[in-house]
Amino acid sequence: MRPAHLTSHSLYMLKTPSAVQKIKELLKDKPDHVGVKVGVRTRGCNGLSYTLEYTKSKGDSDEEVVQDGVRVFIEKKAQLTLLGTEMDYVEDKLSSEFVFNNPNIKGTCGCGESFNI
C-alpha cells in the first residue's frame, strides 16, 4: 500500500525529505512559481543530462508529481527516462546539489555530468 503522502504518479519520481524541504525553501521566495520542472537534454560525452528549473504552470504534456505539498513537473520527453527515479538533495563541505538516483541508467561519463539509458 502506498503511503498517504504520495500520489499515484509518484512512481515516476520519489523525492527524499531533504529534496522536498529544499524545494520548499527555494519556492518560498518565488510566489509566482508553482513548482519545479525536471527534464533531460542532450549534453556531454554520454548523451543526456538533467535540467531543473522553476515553473509558473504545468505544461500540457507534463506529468505532475505531488509529494508533501511540493509539485514537480516532468517534461514529456523525460518521463520514461525518470521512471522510478529518486530525487535527493545532498550537502557536504564543498557543495550542495540535487542528485537523481536513476535505476534506468546504463552508463555515465567520467565527470558525472551526463548519462545514457
N, C-alpha and C. Protein backbone atom coordinates (compact mmCIF):
# COMPACT_ATOMS: atom_id res chain seq x y z
N MET A 1 0.84 -1.18 0.00
CA MET A 1 0.00 0.00 0.00
C MET A 1 0.89 1.25 0.00
N ARG A 2 0.52 2.24 -0.80
CA ARG A 2 1.27 3.48 -0.94
C ARG A 2 1.03 4.39 0.27
N PRO A 3 2.09 5.01 0.80
CA PRO A 3 1.90 5.97 1.90
C PRO A 3 0.97 7.10 1.47
N ALA A 4 0.23 7.65 2.42
CA ALA A 4 -0.80 8.65 2.14
C ALA A 4 -0.23 9.93 1.52
N HIS A 5 1.04 10.24 1.78
CA HIS A 5 1.59 11.49 1.27
C HIS A 5 2.05 11.40 -0.18
N LEU A 6 1.87 10.27 -0.83
CA LEU A 6 2.28 10.09 -2.21
C LEU A 6 1.07 10.01 -3.13
N THR A 7 1.20 10.57 -4.34
CA THR A 7 0.14 10.46 -5.32
C THR A 7 0.36 9.22 -6.18
N SER A 8 -0.59 8.89 -7.01
CA SER A 8 -0.44 7.73 -7.88
C SER A 8 0.67 7.93 -8.89
N HIS A 9 1.06 9.17 -9.15
CA HIS A 9 2.12 9.45 -10.12
C HIS A 9 3.50 9.43 -9.48
N SER A 10 3.59 9.15 -8.20
CA SER A 10 4.88 9.15 -7.52
C SER A 10 5.80 8.05 -8.01
N LEU A 11 5.27 7.07 -8.73
CA LEU A 11 6.15 6.05 -9.27
C LEU A 11 7.08 6.64 -10.32
N TYR A 12 6.73 7.79 -10.87
CA TYR A 12 7.64 8.47 -11.79
C TYR A 12 8.88 8.93 -11.04
N MET A 13 8.68 9.59 -9.92
CA MET A 13 9.82 10.12 -9.18
C MET A 13 9.45 10.32 -7.73
N LEU A 14 10.24 9.75 -6.84
CA LEU A 14 10.10 10.00 -5.41
C LEU A 14 11.11 11.05 -5.01
N LYS A 15 10.74 11.88 -4.06
CA LYS A 15 11.65 12.89 -3.54
C LYS A 15 11.96 12.55 -2.09
N THR A 16 13.22 12.65 -1.72
CA THR A 16 13.59 12.42 -0.33
C THR A 16 13.12 13.60 0.50
N PRO A 17 12.99 13.45 1.82
CA PRO A 17 12.62 14.59 2.67
C PRO A 17 13.56 15.78 2.49
N SER A 18 14.83 15.53 2.26
CA SER A 18 15.79 16.60 2.04
C SER A 18 15.48 17.37 0.76
N ALA A 19 15.12 16.67 -0.31
CA ALA A 19 14.76 17.33 -1.57
C ALA A 19 13.47 18.13 -1.42
N VAL A 20 12.48 17.54 -0.75
CA VAL A 20 11.21 18.24 -0.53
C VAL A 20 11.44 19.54 0.23
N GLN A 21 12.23 19.47 1.29
CA GLN A 21 12.50 20.65 2.11
C GLN A 21 13.22 21.73 1.32
N LYS A 22 14.20 21.34 0.52
CA LYS A 22 14.96 22.32 -0.26
C LYS A 22 14.09 22.98 -1.32
N ILE A 23 13.25 22.22 -1.98
CA ILE A 23 12.35 22.80 -2.97
C ILE A 23 11.40 23.79 -2.30
N LYS A 24 10.87 23.43 -1.13
CA LYS A 24 10.00 24.36 -0.39
C LYS A 24 10.74 25.65 -0.07
N GLU A 25 11.99 25.54 0.38
CA GLU A 25 12.79 26.73 0.69
C GLU A 25 13.01 27.59 -0.55
N LEU A 26 13.33 26.96 -1.67
CA LEU A 26 13.59 27.71 -2.90
C LEU A 26 12.33 28.41 -3.42
N LEU A 27 11.19 27.76 -3.30
CA LEU A 27 9.95 28.34 -3.81
C LEU A 27 9.37 29.41 -2.89
N LYS A 28 9.79 29.42 -1.65
CA LYS A 28 9.26 30.39 -0.68
C LYS A 28 9.46 31.82 -1.16
N ASP A 29 10.58 32.08 -1.81
CA ASP A 29 10.89 33.42 -2.31
C ASP A 29 10.41 33.66 -3.73
N LYS A 30 9.66 32.74 -4.28
CA LYS A 30 9.17 32.84 -5.66
C LYS A 30 7.66 32.58 -5.69
N PRO A 31 6.85 33.49 -5.16
CA PRO A 31 5.41 33.23 -5.04
C PRO A 31 4.69 33.06 -6.37
N ASP A 32 5.26 33.53 -7.48
CA ASP A 32 4.60 33.38 -8.77
C ASP A 32 4.92 32.04 -9.44
N HIS A 33 5.76 31.22 -8.81
CA HIS A 33 6.09 29.90 -9.34
C HIS A 33 5.37 28.82 -8.52
N VAL A 34 4.87 27.79 -9.22
CA VAL A 34 4.07 26.75 -8.55
C VAL A 34 4.86 25.48 -8.25
N GLY A 35 6.05 25.37 -8.79
CA GLY A 35 6.85 24.18 -8.58
C GLY A 35 8.12 24.23 -9.40
N VAL A 36 8.72 23.05 -9.56
CA VAL A 36 9.92 22.95 -10.40
C VAL A 36 9.64 21.94 -11.51
N LYS A 37 10.34 22.14 -12.63
CA LYS A 37 10.20 21.26 -13.78
C LYS A 37 11.51 20.53 -14.00
N VAL A 38 11.41 19.21 -14.17
CA VAL A 38 12.57 18.37 -14.42
C VAL A 38 12.50 17.87 -15.86
N GLY A 39 13.64 17.89 -16.51
CA GLY A 39 13.71 17.40 -17.87
C GLY A 39 15.07 16.77 -18.13
N VAL A 40 15.29 16.36 -19.36
CA VAL A 40 16.59 15.88 -19.79
C VAL A 40 16.92 16.58 -21.11
N ARG A 41 18.21 16.76 -21.35
CA ARG A 41 18.63 17.33 -22.62
C ARG A 41 19.88 16.60 -23.09
N THR A 42 20.13 16.69 -24.37
CA THR A 42 21.32 16.08 -24.94
C THR A 42 22.52 16.93 -24.55
N ARG A 43 23.50 16.27 -23.91
CA ARG A 43 24.66 17.00 -23.43
C ARG A 43 25.75 16.03 -23.00
N GLY A 44 26.97 16.48 -23.06
CA GLY A 44 28.08 15.72 -22.51
C GLY A 44 28.50 14.56 -23.39
N CYS A 45 29.46 13.81 -22.88
CA CYS A 45 30.04 12.71 -23.66
C CYS A 45 29.20 11.45 -23.60
N ASN A 46 28.21 11.39 -22.74
CA ASN A 46 27.41 10.17 -22.63
C ASN A 46 25.97 10.35 -23.07
N GLY A 47 25.59 11.53 -23.51
CA GLY A 47 24.29 11.68 -24.14
C GLY A 47 23.26 12.56 -23.48
N LEU A 48 22.94 12.35 -22.19
CA LEU A 48 21.85 13.07 -21.55
C LEU A 48 22.30 13.68 -20.23
N SER A 49 21.67 14.79 -19.87
CA SER A 49 21.85 15.35 -18.53
C SER A 49 20.51 15.89 -18.06
N TYR A 50 20.37 16.08 -16.77
CA TYR A 50 19.12 16.56 -16.19
C TYR A 50 19.04 18.07 -16.27
N THR A 51 17.81 18.58 -16.39
CA THR A 51 17.56 20.01 -16.26
C THR A 51 16.57 20.20 -15.12
N LEU A 52 16.68 21.31 -14.44
CA LEU A 52 15.80 21.62 -13.32
C LEU A 52 15.58 23.12 -13.33
N GLU A 53 14.31 23.54 -13.38
CA GLU A 53 14.02 24.96 -13.42
C GLU A 53 12.70 25.25 -12.71
N TYR A 54 12.53 26.49 -12.30
CA TYR A 54 11.27 26.93 -11.71
C TYR A 54 10.22 26.99 -12.81
N THR A 55 8.96 26.76 -12.42
CA THR A 55 7.89 26.87 -13.41
C THR A 55 6.68 27.56 -12.80
N LYS A 56 5.99 28.31 -13.63
CA LYS A 56 4.80 29.04 -13.19
C LYS A 56 3.52 28.26 -13.47
N SER A 57 3.62 27.21 -14.31
CA SER A 57 2.42 26.44 -14.64
C SER A 57 2.81 25.05 -15.14
N LYS A 58 1.82 24.17 -15.16
CA LYS A 58 2.00 22.82 -15.68
C LYS A 58 1.84 22.86 -17.19
N GLY A 59 2.83 22.33 -17.91
CA GLY A 59 2.71 22.23 -19.35
C GLY A 59 1.68 21.19 -19.75
N ASP A 60 1.13 21.29 -20.95
CA ASP A 60 0.08 20.38 -21.40
C ASP A 60 0.49 18.91 -21.34
N SER A 61 1.74 18.61 -21.62
CA SER A 61 2.18 17.22 -21.64
C SER A 61 3.06 16.85 -20.45
N ASP A 62 3.17 17.74 -19.48
CA ASP A 62 3.96 17.45 -18.28
C ASP A 62 3.22 16.46 -17.38
N GLU A 63 3.97 15.61 -16.72
CA GLU A 63 3.43 14.73 -15.69
C GLU A 63 3.68 15.42 -14.35
N GLU A 64 2.66 15.53 -13.52
CA GLU A 64 2.81 16.20 -12.23
C GLU A 64 2.96 15.17 -11.11
N VAL A 65 3.97 15.37 -10.27
CA VAL A 65 4.19 14.54 -9.10
C VAL A 65 4.10 15.46 -7.89
N VAL A 66 3.15 15.17 -6.99
CA VAL A 66 2.99 15.97 -5.77
C VAL A 66 3.36 15.10 -4.59
N GLN A 67 4.25 15.61 -3.77
CA GLN A 67 4.66 14.88 -2.57
C GLN A 67 4.87 15.89 -1.46
N ASP A 68 4.17 15.70 -0.36
CA ASP A 68 4.27 16.59 0.81
C ASP A 68 4.08 18.05 0.43
N GLY A 69 3.16 18.30 -0.49
CA GLY A 69 2.85 19.66 -0.90
C GLY A 69 3.78 20.26 -1.93
N VAL A 70 4.79 19.53 -2.36
CA VAL A 70 5.74 20.02 -3.35
C VAL A 70 5.35 19.46 -4.72
N ARG A 71 5.26 20.36 -5.70
CA ARG A 71 4.87 19.97 -7.05
C ARG A 71 6.11 19.94 -7.95
N VAL A 72 6.33 18.79 -8.57
CA VAL A 72 7.40 18.64 -9.56
C VAL A 72 6.73 18.21 -10.85
N PHE A 73 7.08 18.90 -11.93
CA PHE A 73 6.53 18.61 -13.25
C PHE A 73 7.63 17.95 -14.09
N ILE A 74 7.31 16.85 -14.72
CA ILE A 74 8.27 16.12 -15.53
C ILE A 74 7.92 16.32 -17.00
N GLU A 75 8.87 16.88 -17.75
CA GLU A 75 8.65 17.10 -19.17
C GLU A 75 8.38 15.78 -19.88
N LYS A 76 7.57 15.85 -20.92
CA LYS A 76 7.16 14.63 -21.64
C LYS A 76 8.35 13.79 -22.09
N LYS A 77 9.37 14.40 -22.68
CA LYS A 77 10.47 13.59 -23.21
C LYS A 77 11.32 12.97 -22.10
N ALA A 78 11.13 13.39 -20.86
CA ALA A 78 11.90 12.85 -19.74
C ALA A 78 11.12 11.80 -18.95
N GLN A 79 9.85 11.61 -19.22
CA GLN A 79 9.01 10.77 -18.37
C GLN A 79 9.48 9.33 -18.29
N LEU A 80 9.79 8.70 -19.39
CA LEU A 80 10.25 7.31 -19.33
C LEU A 80 11.66 7.22 -18.76
N THR A 81 12.47 8.22 -19.05
CA THR A 81 13.84 8.25 -18.53
C THR A 81 13.85 8.33 -17.01
N LEU A 82 12.89 9.05 -16.42
CA LEU A 82 12.87 9.28 -14.98
C LEU A 82 12.01 8.29 -14.20
N LEU A 83 11.39 7.34 -14.87
CA LEU A 83 10.53 6.37 -14.21
C LEU A 83 11.31 5.65 -13.11
N GLY A 84 10.81 5.72 -11.88
CA GLY A 84 11.43 5.05 -10.75
C GLY A 84 12.59 5.79 -10.11
N THR A 85 12.84 7.01 -10.54
CA THR A 85 13.98 7.79 -10.04
C THR A 85 13.69 8.41 -8.69
N GLU A 86 14.71 8.49 -7.85
CA GLU A 86 14.63 9.19 -6.57
C GLU A 86 15.40 10.50 -6.69
N MET A 87 14.74 11.59 -6.34
CA MET A 87 15.38 12.91 -6.34
C MET A 87 15.80 13.22 -4.91
N ASP A 88 17.08 13.53 -4.72
CA ASP A 88 17.61 13.82 -3.40
C ASP A 88 18.31 15.18 -3.43
N TYR A 89 18.52 15.75 -2.27
CA TYR A 89 19.31 16.96 -2.13
C TYR A 89 20.40 16.66 -1.13
N VAL A 90 21.65 16.82 -1.54
CA VAL A 90 22.78 16.49 -0.67
C VAL A 90 23.68 17.70 -0.49
N GLU A 91 24.21 17.82 0.72
CA GLU A 91 25.14 18.90 1.05
C GLU A 91 26.36 18.29 1.71
N ASP A 92 27.53 18.83 1.37
CA ASP A 92 28.74 18.49 2.11
C ASP A 92 29.54 19.79 2.26
N LYS A 93 30.76 19.69 2.73
CA LYS A 93 31.54 20.90 3.00
C LYS A 93 31.84 21.72 1.75
N LEU A 94 31.89 21.09 0.60
CA LEU A 94 32.28 21.78 -0.62
C LEU A 94 31.16 22.07 -1.61
N SER A 95 30.05 21.38 -1.47
CA SER A 95 28.99 21.56 -2.47
C SER A 95 27.62 21.21 -1.91
N SER A 96 26.62 21.63 -2.65
CA SER A 96 25.24 21.22 -2.38
C SER A 96 24.55 21.11 -3.73
N GLU A 97 23.75 20.04 -3.90
CA GLU A 97 23.13 19.82 -5.21
C GLU A 97 21.98 18.82 -5.12
N PHE A 98 21.10 18.91 -6.11
CA PHE A 98 20.09 17.87 -6.29
C PHE A 98 20.76 16.70 -7.00
N VAL A 99 20.45 15.50 -6.56
CA VAL A 99 21.01 14.28 -7.13
C VAL A 99 19.85 13.40 -7.55
N PHE A 100 19.96 12.81 -8.73
CA PHE A 100 18.93 11.90 -9.23
C PHE A 100 19.47 10.48 -9.20
N ASN A 101 18.88 9.64 -8.36
CA ASN A 101 19.26 8.23 -8.28
C ASN A 101 18.33 7.46 -9.21
N ASN A 102 18.82 7.23 -10.42
CA ASN A 102 18.01 6.71 -11.50
C ASN A 102 18.38 5.25 -11.80
N PRO A 103 17.44 4.31 -11.56
CA PRO A 103 17.72 2.89 -11.80
C PRO A 103 17.81 2.53 -13.27
N ASN A 104 17.43 3.44 -14.16
CA ASN A 104 17.42 3.16 -15.60
C ASN A 104 18.75 3.43 -16.29
N ILE A 105 19.67 4.08 -15.61
CA ILE A 105 20.94 4.48 -16.22
C ILE A 105 21.80 3.25 -16.52
N LYS A 106 22.31 3.21 -17.75
CA LYS A 106 23.18 2.11 -18.17
C LYS A 106 24.66 2.51 -18.06
N GLY A 107 24.95 3.82 -18.13
CA GLY A 107 26.33 4.27 -18.04
C GLY A 107 26.40 5.77 -17.80
N THR A 108 27.50 6.22 -17.23
CA THR A 108 27.73 7.64 -17.01
C THR A 108 29.12 8.00 -17.52
N CYS A 109 29.34 9.28 -17.74
CA CYS A 109 30.66 9.73 -18.15
C CYS A 109 31.56 9.86 -16.92
N GLY A 110 32.82 10.01 -17.15
CA GLY A 110 33.78 10.08 -16.05
C GLY A 110 33.56 11.23 -15.10
N CYS A 111 33.08 12.36 -15.61
CA CYS A 111 32.89 13.53 -14.74
C CYS A 111 31.52 13.52 -14.06
N GLY A 112 30.62 12.61 -14.46
CA GLY A 112 29.31 12.51 -13.82
C GLY A 112 28.28 13.49 -14.32
N GLU A 113 28.60 14.24 -15.38
CA GLU A 113 27.67 15.26 -15.90
C GLU A 113 26.62 14.69 -16.83
N SER A 114 26.87 13.55 -17.44
CA SER A 114 25.90 13.00 -18.38
C SER A 114 25.76 11.49 -18.19
N PHE A 115 24.71 10.94 -18.80
CA PHE A 115 24.39 9.52 -18.65
C PHE A 115 23.71 9.01 -19.90
N ASN A 116 23.58 7.68 -20.00
CA ASN A 116 22.79 7.10 -21.08
C ASN A 116 21.87 6.04 -20.52
N ILE A 117 20.83 5.78 -21.26
CA ILE A 117 19.79 4.82 -20.85
C ILE A 117 19.82 3.64 -21.80
